C-alpha cells in the first residue's frame, strides 16, 4: 500500500463514531502501528485512550506555535476575504503528509456540513499537492450537499467507498464513477467488548440514545422531546422494561449527556437511568447496547452497534445515512424516523410498538443479512490493495 498511513479527519474519540471508524479501519486493513498516524483535534483526550495502540496520535493544532504578530496577520487576511473559517484551516497542521502517504478521509457525513466541507477540501487540496493518495472511506452524503464544488472535489479522490446505496446511486447519477465502491461501514466488523463494563444482564432494557441534532437544540418543549417522553411513559405504564439512556458523543458542543440529563429529570423513577458510558470505548458501549432488548438511537454508530448485535432498533434519523443503512439491511422504513420533520406526538411511540410487535422477525432479518453484509465490509482491504 504505502509507507505512511494518515487518518487526517479522525477528529477525536469524544465522538465514539469517529473512534469506531478509525479503529475498525486499522484492524480491517491490518495497518502497522509504527507507520500509522492519527490526526486528532482533541489530542490530550486521544493520547489517554487505547487509540495509541493503533497509531501515533498527531496534534493538528499549529496555531499555538504561531507568533502573536503572525496570528494578527492571518486574522486580517481572513477578515479581508470575509472568511472566518480560514482561521480554522490555518490551524490545521498537515505537514507530515508527503508523496509516500496514503491519506484516509474517514468521511462519515463530513460532506454534509458547511464547515467540514471546507476542511475536507483543504485537506484534500494539500494532500494532492504533496502527491499523496487520497481515499474517502465510508461516506454518506445527502443529495442537497452534492453541489458542483463538492462533485468536483469528489472526482479527485483515488478511491471512494460509500456505506449505503442511496448515496452510491446519487454519486453514480452525478457522474462520480471512477473507483467508487458500495461497502458497508467498517464499524460493522468490530466486536463488542464486555471486559471493563460493569452492568447486570437484563432482558428487559430499552436503550435510548438522543442528541441535540434530532431535537433541534437542548430544550424540553420540542415535538421530538414530547415524542420521546410519550415512549418512555408508555414503557413505564404498560411494560416491565427499564429505560437506559446511553450517551455516545461527549464533545463539549455536542455532548449527548446534556440533553439526556434533561430527559432524566422528567422521570425521577429508578426504572429510567443514565448509563455512565463516558469512560467506555466504542466496543464497550456496543456491549452495553447488546444487552438491550430494544434500542432507539440518534447517533449512527450507536444504531450500527444495535444492528450488529441483532437488537431491534429504531434509527432516530436526520439524514440519508440512517435511511440508507437501514434500507440495505432490509429494515422496514417504519424503523427509521425523520426526527427533524415530525408532525405528531405519537410517531416514535408507533415506531416502538412496531418493534415490539415484530421483534422476532426483525432479529431474524438481521441474523440472516449480517454475515454477508459484514463479509462485504471485509472486502475493503482487497479493494484498497487493488487501487493502491
Protein backbone atom coordinates (compact mmCIF):
# COMPACT_ATOMS: atom_id res chain seq x y z
CA UNK A 1 0.00 0.00 0.00
CA UNK A 2 2.34 2.75 1.10
CA UNK A 3 4.91 3.78 3.65
CA UNK A 4 2.74 6.00 5.81
CA UNK A 5 -0.96 5.87 6.64
CA UNK A 6 -2.61 9.13 7.68
CA UNK A 7 -6.04 9.42 9.29
CA UNK A 8 -6.48 13.10 8.52
CA UNK A 9 -10.09 13.54 9.72
CA UNK A 10 -10.28 11.31 12.78
CA UNK A 11 -11.37 14.34 14.87
CA UNK A 12 -11.35 12.56 18.27
CA UNK A 13 -12.71 9.73 20.41
CA UNK A 14 -15.12 12.12 22.15
CA UNK A 15 -17.35 11.06 19.28
CA UNK A 16 -17.42 7.28 19.60
CA UNK A 17 -18.38 7.04 15.93
CA UNK A 18 -15.06 8.64 14.93
CA UNK A 19 -13.30 6.17 17.22
CA UNK A 20 -15.18 3.26 15.61
CA UNK A 21 -14.20 4.28 12.08
CA UNK A 22 -10.51 4.75 12.88
CA UNK A 23 -10.13 1.56 14.94
CA UNK A 24 -12.10 -0.63 12.56
CA UNK A 25 -10.06 0.53 9.55
CA UNK A 26 -6.75 -0.01 11.34
CA UNK A 27 -7.82 -3.56 12.24
CA UNK A 28 -9.52 -4.35 8.95
CA UNK A 29 -6.55 -3.19 6.86
CA UNK A 30 -4.01 -4.61 9.31
CA UNK A 31 -2.12 -1.32 9.38
CA UNK A 32 1.26 -1.37 11.17
CA UNK A 33 1.14 0.90 14.21
CA UNK A 34 4.59 2.35 13.57
CA UNK A 35 3.51 3.57 10.12
CA UNK A 36 0.09 4.92 11.11
CA UNK A 37 -0.63 8.50 12.16
CA UNK A 38 -3.98 9.57 13.60
CA UNK A 39 -4.64 13.32 13.40
CA UNK A 40 -6.62 14.49 16.40
CA UNK A 41 -8.36 17.76 17.20
CA UNK A 42 -8.67 16.50 20.81
CA UNK A 43 -5.05 15.47 21.27
CA UNK A 44 -4.88 15.17 25.08
CA UNK A 45 -8.06 13.10 25.26
CA UNK A 46 -6.97 10.73 22.50
CA UNK A 47 -3.50 10.33 23.99
CA UNK A 48 -5.08 8.98 27.20
CA UNK A 49 -7.19 6.42 25.31
CA UNK A 50 -6.39 2.99 23.88
CA UNK A 51 -6.28 4.58 20.42
CA UNK A 52 -2.49 4.78 20.83
CA UNK A 53 -2.35 1.03 20.22
CA UNK A 54 -3.38 1.67 16.61
CA UNK A 55 -1.09 4.54 15.62
CA UNK A 56 0.74 7.66 16.69
CA UNK A 57 -1.64 10.42 17.81
CA UNK A 58 -0.79 13.64 15.96
CA UNK A 59 -1.76 17.11 17.15
CA UNK A 60 -3.39 19.09 14.35
CA UNK A 61 -3.10 22.46 16.11
CA UNK A 62 -0.28 24.63 14.80
CA UNK A 63 -1.96 27.90 15.83
CA UNK A 64 -0.43 27.87 19.32
CA UNK A 65 3.04 27.76 17.73
CA UNK A 66 2.48 30.98 15.76
CA UNK A 67 3.91 34.28 16.92
CA UNK A 68 1.41 36.92 18.00
CA UNK A 69 2.05 39.21 15.00
CA UNK A 70 1.66 36.28 12.62
CA UNK A 71 -1.74 35.48 14.15
CA UNK A 72 -2.80 39.11 13.66
CA UNK A 73 -1.70 38.92 10.01
CA UNK A 74 -3.68 35.69 9.43
CA UNK A 75 -6.78 37.15 11.06
CA UNK A 76 -6.56 40.29 8.93
CA UNK A 77 -6.30 38.14 5.81
CA UNK A 78 -9.38 36.17 6.82
CA UNK A 79 -11.33 39.36 7.63
CA UNK A 80 -10.45 40.94 4.26
CA UNK A 81 -11.61 37.80 2.45
CA UNK A 82 -14.72 37.61 4.64
CA UNK A 83 -13.92 34.02 5.53
CA UNK A 84 -13.65 33.35 9.27
CA UNK A 85 -13.39 29.62 8.51
CA UNK A 86 -9.96 30.37 7.02
CA UNK A 87 -8.62 30.83 10.55
CA UNK A 88 -9.66 27.28 11.43
CA UNK A 89 -7.94 25.92 8.32
CA UNK A 90 -4.76 27.80 9.16
CA UNK A 91 -4.69 25.97 12.48
CA UNK A 92 -4.71 22.51 10.90
CA UNK A 93 -1.23 21.01 10.69
CA UNK A 94 -0.79 18.63 7.74
CA UNK A 95 2.98 18.86 7.45
CA UNK A 96 3.57 15.10 7.81
CA UNK A 97 1.71 14.32 4.58
CA UNK A 98 4.05 13.61 1.66
CA UNK A 99 4.25 11.59 -1.57
CA UNK A 100 4.61 8.34 0.40
CA UNK A 101 1.37 8.92 2.33
CA UNK A 102 -1.98 7.24 1.95
CA UNK A 103 -4.46 9.71 3.38
CA UNK A 104 -7.69 8.28 4.79
CA UNK A 105 -10.56 10.74 4.85
CA UNK A 106 -12.94 8.82 7.09
CA UNK A 107 -15.85 10.59 5.52
CA UNK A 108 -18.90 9.64 7.52
CA UNK A 109 -21.20 12.59 6.87
CA UNK A 110 -18.48 15.27 6.94
CA UNK A 111 -19.55 16.41 3.47
CA UNK A 112 -22.95 17.29 4.93
CA UNK A 113 -21.83 20.30 6.97
CA UNK A 114 -20.63 23.62 5.53
CA UNK A 115 -17.70 23.96 7.92
CA UNK A 116 -16.38 20.44 7.46
CA UNK A 117 -16.83 20.60 3.67
CA UNK A 118 -14.23 23.39 3.66
CA UNK A 119 -11.95 21.40 5.94
CA UNK A 120 -12.24 18.29 3.75
CA UNK A 121 -11.37 20.29 0.64
CA UNK A 122 -8.44 21.94 2.44
CA UNK A 123 -7.01 18.55 3.47
CA UNK A 124 -7.68 17.11 0.02
CA UNK A 125 -6.01 20.03 -1.77
CA UNK A 126 -2.93 19.80 0.42
CA UNK A 127 -2.67 16.01 0.02
CA UNK A 128 -2.92 16.21 -3.76
CA UNK A 129 -0.21 18.89 -3.86
CA UNK A 130 2.04 16.52 -1.93
CA UNK A 131 1.25 13.72 -4.45
CA UNK A 132 -0.30 11.61 -1.67
CA UNK A 133 -3.00 9.01 -2.32
CA UNK A 134 -6.40 10.16 -1.07
CA UNK A 135 -9.12 7.72 0.00
CA UNK A 136 -12.60 8.82 1.08
CA UNK A 137 -13.83 5.91 3.18
CA UNK A 138 -17.35 5.14 4.41
CA UNK A 139 -19.08 8.31 3.30
CA UNK A 140 -22.76 9.26 3.29
CA UNK A 141 -23.77 12.48 1.54
CA UNK A 142 -27.26 13.94 1.29
CA UNK A 143 -28.12 14.84 -2.30
CA UNK A 144 -28.64 18.51 -1.38
CA UNK A 145 -24.95 18.76 -0.47
CA UNK A 146 -23.77 17.38 -3.81
CA UNK A 147 -23.17 20.84 -5.23
CA UNK A 148 -20.81 21.48 -8.18
CA UNK A 149 -17.81 22.27 -5.91
CA UNK A 150 -18.34 19.09 -3.89
CA UNK A 151 -18.78 16.99 -7.03
CA UNK A 152 -15.57 18.44 -8.43
CA UNK A 153 -13.75 17.59 -5.19
CA UNK A 154 -15.13 14.04 -5.04
CA UNK A 155 -13.95 13.31 -8.58
CA UNK A 156 -10.34 13.91 -7.50
CA UNK A 157 -10.19 11.07 -4.96
CA UNK A 158 -8.16 7.98 -5.81
CA UNK A 159 -10.82 5.84 -4.14
CA UNK A 160 -14.28 6.40 -2.63
CA UNK A 161 -16.21 3.86 -0.60
CA UNK A 162 -19.85 4.60 0.19
CA UNK A 163 -21.56 2.92 3.13
CA UNK A 164 -25.14 2.85 1.84
CA UNK A 165 -26.81 2.50 -1.55
CA UNK A 166 -28.71 5.80 -1.57
CA UNK A 167 -25.52 7.88 -1.61
CA UNK A 168 -23.90 5.43 -4.03
CA UNK A 169 -26.77 5.80 -6.51
CA UNK A 170 -26.59 9.60 -6.24
CA UNK A 171 -22.84 9.65 -6.93
CA UNK A 172 -23.20 7.38 -9.97
CA UNK A 173 -26.08 9.52 -11.26
CA UNK A 174 -23.90 12.63 -11.00
CA UNK A 175 -21.05 11.04 -12.94
CA UNK A 176 -18.80 10.19 -9.97
CA UNK A 177 -17.93 6.66 -11.07
CA UNK A 178 -14.14 6.31 -11.01
CA UNK A 179 -13.07 3.86 -8.27
CA UNK A 180 -16.35 4.24 -6.36
CA UNK A 181 -17.48 1.21 -4.35
CA UNK A 182 -20.51 0.40 -2.21
CA UNK A 183 -19.11 -1.11 1.01
CA UNK A 184 -20.78 -1.21 4.44
CA UNK A 185 -19.46 0.92 7.27
CA UNK A 186 -16.26 -0.66 8.63
CA UNK A 187 -17.63 -0.39 12.19
CA UNK A 188 -19.79 -3.43 11.41
CA UNK A 189 -16.62 -5.53 11.56
CA UNK A 190 -15.93 -4.67 15.22
CA UNK A 191 -16.89 -6.90 18.15
CA UNK A 192 -18.45 -5.92 21.43
CA UNK A 193 -16.17 -5.86 24.46
CA UNK A 194 -17.60 -6.97 27.81
CA UNK A 195 -14.33 -6.59 29.74
CA UNK A 196 -14.33 -3.46 31.86
CA UNK A 197 -18.11 -2.97 31.69
CA UNK A 198 -19.99 -3.05 34.97
CA UNK A 199 -23.63 -3.87 34.34
CA UNK A 200 -26.04 -6.66 35.13
CA UNK A 201 -27.62 -8.52 32.24
CA UNK A 202 -31.30 -7.79 31.92
CA UNK A 203 -33.50 -8.88 29.03
CA UNK A 204 -35.96 -6.11 29.77
CA UNK A 205 -33.96 -2.97 28.99
CA UNK A 206 -34.84 -0.43 26.31
CA UNK A 207 -31.73 1.53 25.36
CA UNK A 208 -32.15 5.11 24.17
CA UNK A 209 -29.55 7.48 22.73
CA UNK A 210 -30.56 11.04 21.82
CA UNK A 211 -28.68 14.11 20.62
CA UNK A 212 -29.37 17.81 20.23
CA UNK A 213 -29.27 17.42 16.44
CA UNK A 214 -32.52 15.47 16.30
CA UNK A 215 -34.08 17.65 19.00
CA UNK A 216 -33.18 20.96 17.39
CA UNK A 217 -31.19 22.01 20.45
CA UNK A 218 -31.28 21.31 24.17
CA UNK A 219 -34.85 22.32 25.01
CA UNK A 220 -37.59 20.17 26.50
CA UNK A 221 -40.50 21.77 24.65
CA UNK A 222 -39.84 20.41 21.16
CA UNK A 223 -42.05 17.98 19.27
CA UNK A 224 -39.26 15.39 19.35
CA UNK A 225 -38.94 15.71 23.13
CA UNK A 226 -42.69 15.22 23.58
CA UNK A 227 -42.42 12.15 21.34
CA UNK A 228 -39.64 10.55 23.38
CA UNK A 229 -41.47 11.36 26.65
CA UNK A 230 -44.54 9.59 25.30
CA UNK A 231 -42.47 6.48 24.51
CA UNK A 232 -40.98 6.37 28.00
CA UNK A 233 -44.37 6.93 29.64
CA UNK A 234 -45.76 4.03 27.61
CA UNK A 235 -42.86 1.79 28.69
CA UNK A 236 -43.31 2.68 32.38
CA UNK A 237 -47.09 2.30 32.35
CA UNK A 238 -47.51 -0.78 30.15
CA UNK A 239 -44.36 -2.91 30.33
CA UNK A 240 -41.77 -4.27 32.76
CA UNK A 241 -38.89 -2.77 30.75
CA UNK A 242 -36.38 -0.39 32.29
CA UNK A 243 -35.09 2.53 30.21
CA UNK A 244 -31.33 3.02 29.89
CA UNK A 245 -30.18 6.37 28.49
CA UNK A 246 -26.83 5.92 26.73
CA UNK A 247 -24.62 8.89 25.72
CA UNK A 248 -22.43 8.27 22.65
CA UNK A 249 -20.80 11.66 21.94
CA UNK A 250 -19.06 13.68 24.65
CA UNK A 251 -17.62 16.75 22.90
CA UNK A 252 -18.40 20.00 24.68
CA UNK A 253 -20.51 21.45 21.87
CA UNK A 254 -22.29 18.17 21.03
CA UNK A 255 -22.43 16.37 24.40
CA UNK A 256 -25.30 13.84 24.44
CA UNK A 257 -25.28 13.90 28.25
CA UNK A 258 -26.72 17.41 28.42
CA UNK A 259 -29.98 16.53 26.68
CA UNK A 260 -30.08 13.09 28.33
CA UNK A 261 -29.90 14.72 31.79
CA UNK A 262 -32.81 17.00 30.88
CA UNK A 263 -34.81 13.93 29.85
CA UNK A 264 -33.89 12.00 33.00
CA UNK A 265 -35.16 14.86 35.21
CA UNK A 266 -38.60 14.26 33.73
CA UNK A 267 -38.55 10.70 35.09
CA UNK A 268 -37.29 10.50 38.71
CA UNK A 269 -38.06 6.77 38.88
CA UNK A 270 -35.15 4.32 39.12
CA UNK A 271 -36.57 2.49 36.10
CA UNK A 272 -35.16 5.29 33.93
CA UNK A 273 -31.43 5.68 34.42
CA UNK A 274 -28.36 7.07 32.70
CA UNK A 275 -25.57 4.63 31.90
CA UNK A 276 -22.27 6.41 32.56
CA UNK A 277 -20.57 5.48 29.30
CA UNK A 278 -18.05 8.33 29.06
CA UNK A 279 -15.22 6.12 30.36
CA UNK A 280 -16.03 3.28 27.97
CA UNK A 281 -14.66 2.86 24.46
CA UNK A 282 -16.83 2.23 21.42
CA UNK A 283 -16.71 -1.57 21.66
CA UNK A 284 -17.61 -1.48 25.35
CA UNK A 285 -20.60 0.75 24.63
CA UNK A 286 -21.54 -1.73 21.92
CA UNK A 287 -21.61 -4.44 24.59
CA UNK A 288 -23.94 -2.27 26.70
CA UNK A 289 -26.25 -1.85 23.69
CA UNK A 290 -26.09 -5.60 23.02
CA UNK A 291 -27.71 -6.17 26.41
CA UNK A 292 -30.79 -4.18 25.40
CA UNK A 293 -33.97 -5.83 24.21
CA UNK A 294 -34.81 -2.84 22.03
CA UNK A 295 -32.85 0.27 21.09
CA UNK A 296 -33.59 3.77 19.80
CA UNK A 297 -30.57 5.76 18.68
CA UNK A 298 -29.76 9.17 17.25
CA UNK A 299 -26.05 8.58 16.70
CA UNK A 300 -25.47 6.46 13.60
CA UNK A 301 -22.75 4.33 15.16
CA UNK A 302 -24.88 3.59 18.21
CA UNK A 303 -27.52 2.19 15.84
CA UNK A 304 -24.82 0.27 13.96
CA UNK A 305 -23.94 -1.36 17.29
CA UNK A 306 -27.57 -2.39 17.76
CA UNK A 307 -27.83 -3.80 14.24
CA UNK A 308 -24.52 -5.65 14.65
CA UNK A 309 -25.79 -7.32 17.83
CA UNK A 310 -29.21 -8.14 16.30
CA UNK A 311 -31.02 -5.80 18.68
CA UNK A 312 -34.25 -4.48 17.09
CA UNK A 313 -33.61 -0.77 16.66
CA UNK A 314 -35.17 2.49 15.62
CA UNK A 315 -32.85 4.93 13.87
CA UNK A 316 -33.77 8.42 15.04
CA UNK A 317 -32.51 9.72 11.76
CA UNK A 318 -31.95 13.10 10.24
CA UNK A 319 -30.07 12.26 7.02
CA UNK A 320 -29.51 9.80 4.19
CA UNK A 321 -27.13 7.67 6.28
CA UNK A 322 -29.88 6.46 8.63
CA UNK A 323 -32.33 5.64 5.86
CA UNK A 324 -29.68 4.12 3.59
CA UNK A 325 -28.10 1.77 6.11
CA UNK A 326 -31.49 0.57 7.36
CA UNK A 327 -32.66 0.00 3.78
CA UNK A 328 -29.57 -2.01 2.84
CA UNK A 329 -30.04 -4.24 5.90
CA UNK A 330 -33.64 -4.95 4.97
CA UNK A 331 -35.13 -2.95 7.84
CA UNK A 332 -38.65 -1.59 7.46
CA UNK A 333 -38.99 2.13 6.78
CA UNK A 334 -41.11 2.14 9.96
CA UNK A 335 -37.89 1.71 11.94
CA UNK A 336 -36.38 4.96 10.63
CA UNK A 337 -37.87 8.21 11.91
CA UNK A 338 -37.05 11.60 10.39
CA UNK A 339 -36.94 13.43 13.71
CA UNK A 340 -36.46 16.83 12.13
CA UNK A 341 -39.79 16.60 10.35
CA UNK A 342 -42.14 15.12 12.93
CA UNK A 343 -45.80 16.02 12.60
CA UNK A 344 -47.42 14.32 15.61
CA UNK A 345 -46.56 13.49 19.23
CA UNK A 346 -47.01 9.74 18.84
CA UNK A 347 -44.76 8.98 15.84
CA UNK A 348 -41.94 7.50 17.96
CA UNK A 349 -44.43 5.51 20.02
CA UNK A 350 -45.89 3.96 16.87
CA UNK A 351 -42.36 3.02 15.78
CA UNK A 352 -41.62 1.48 19.17
CA UNK A 353 -44.85 -0.53 19.06
CA UNK A 354 -43.79 -1.76 15.63
CA UNK A 355 -40.52 -3.01 17.20
CA UNK A 356 -42.40 -4.80 19.96
CA UNK A 357 -44.85 -6.45 17.57
CA UNK A 358 -42.17 -7.51 15.08
CA UNK A 359 -39.29 -8.30 17.44
CA UNK A 360 -38.66 -11.87 16.25
CA UNK A 361 -38.98 -11.00 12.55
CA UNK A 362 -36.52 -8.10 12.86
CA UNK A 363 -33.99 -10.26 14.72
CA UNK A 364 -34.29 -12.95 12.05
CA UNK A 365 -33.75 -10.46 9.22
CA UNK A 366 -30.59 -9.18 10.90
CA UNK A 367 -29.29 -12.69 11.65
CA UNK A 368 -29.82 -13.66 8.02
CA UNK A 369 -28.43 -10.48 6.48
CA UNK A 370 -25.44 -9.64 8.70
CA UNK A 371 -22.96 -12.42 7.74
CA UNK A 372 -22.85 -11.45 4.05
CA UNK A 373 -23.09 -7.75 4.91
CA UNK A 374 -20.07 -7.93 7.22
CA UNK A 375 -18.20 -10.06 4.68
CA UNK A 376 -18.80 -7.28 2.16
CA UNK A 377 -17.29 -4.79 4.63
CA UNK A 378 -14.20 -7.00 4.87
CA UNK A 379 -13.72 -6.70 1.08
CA UNK A 380 -12.35 -3.19 1.65
CA UNK A 381 -8.80 -4.46 2.12
CA UNK A 382 -8.71 -6.16 -1.31
CA UNK A 383 -10.22 -3.09 -2.97
CA UNK A 384 -7.62 -0.78 -1.46
CA UNK A 385 -4.84 -3.17 -2.47
CA UNK A 386 -6.27 -3.20 -5.99
CA UNK A 387 -6.32 0.63 -6.17
CA UNK A 388 -3.05 1.41 -4.41
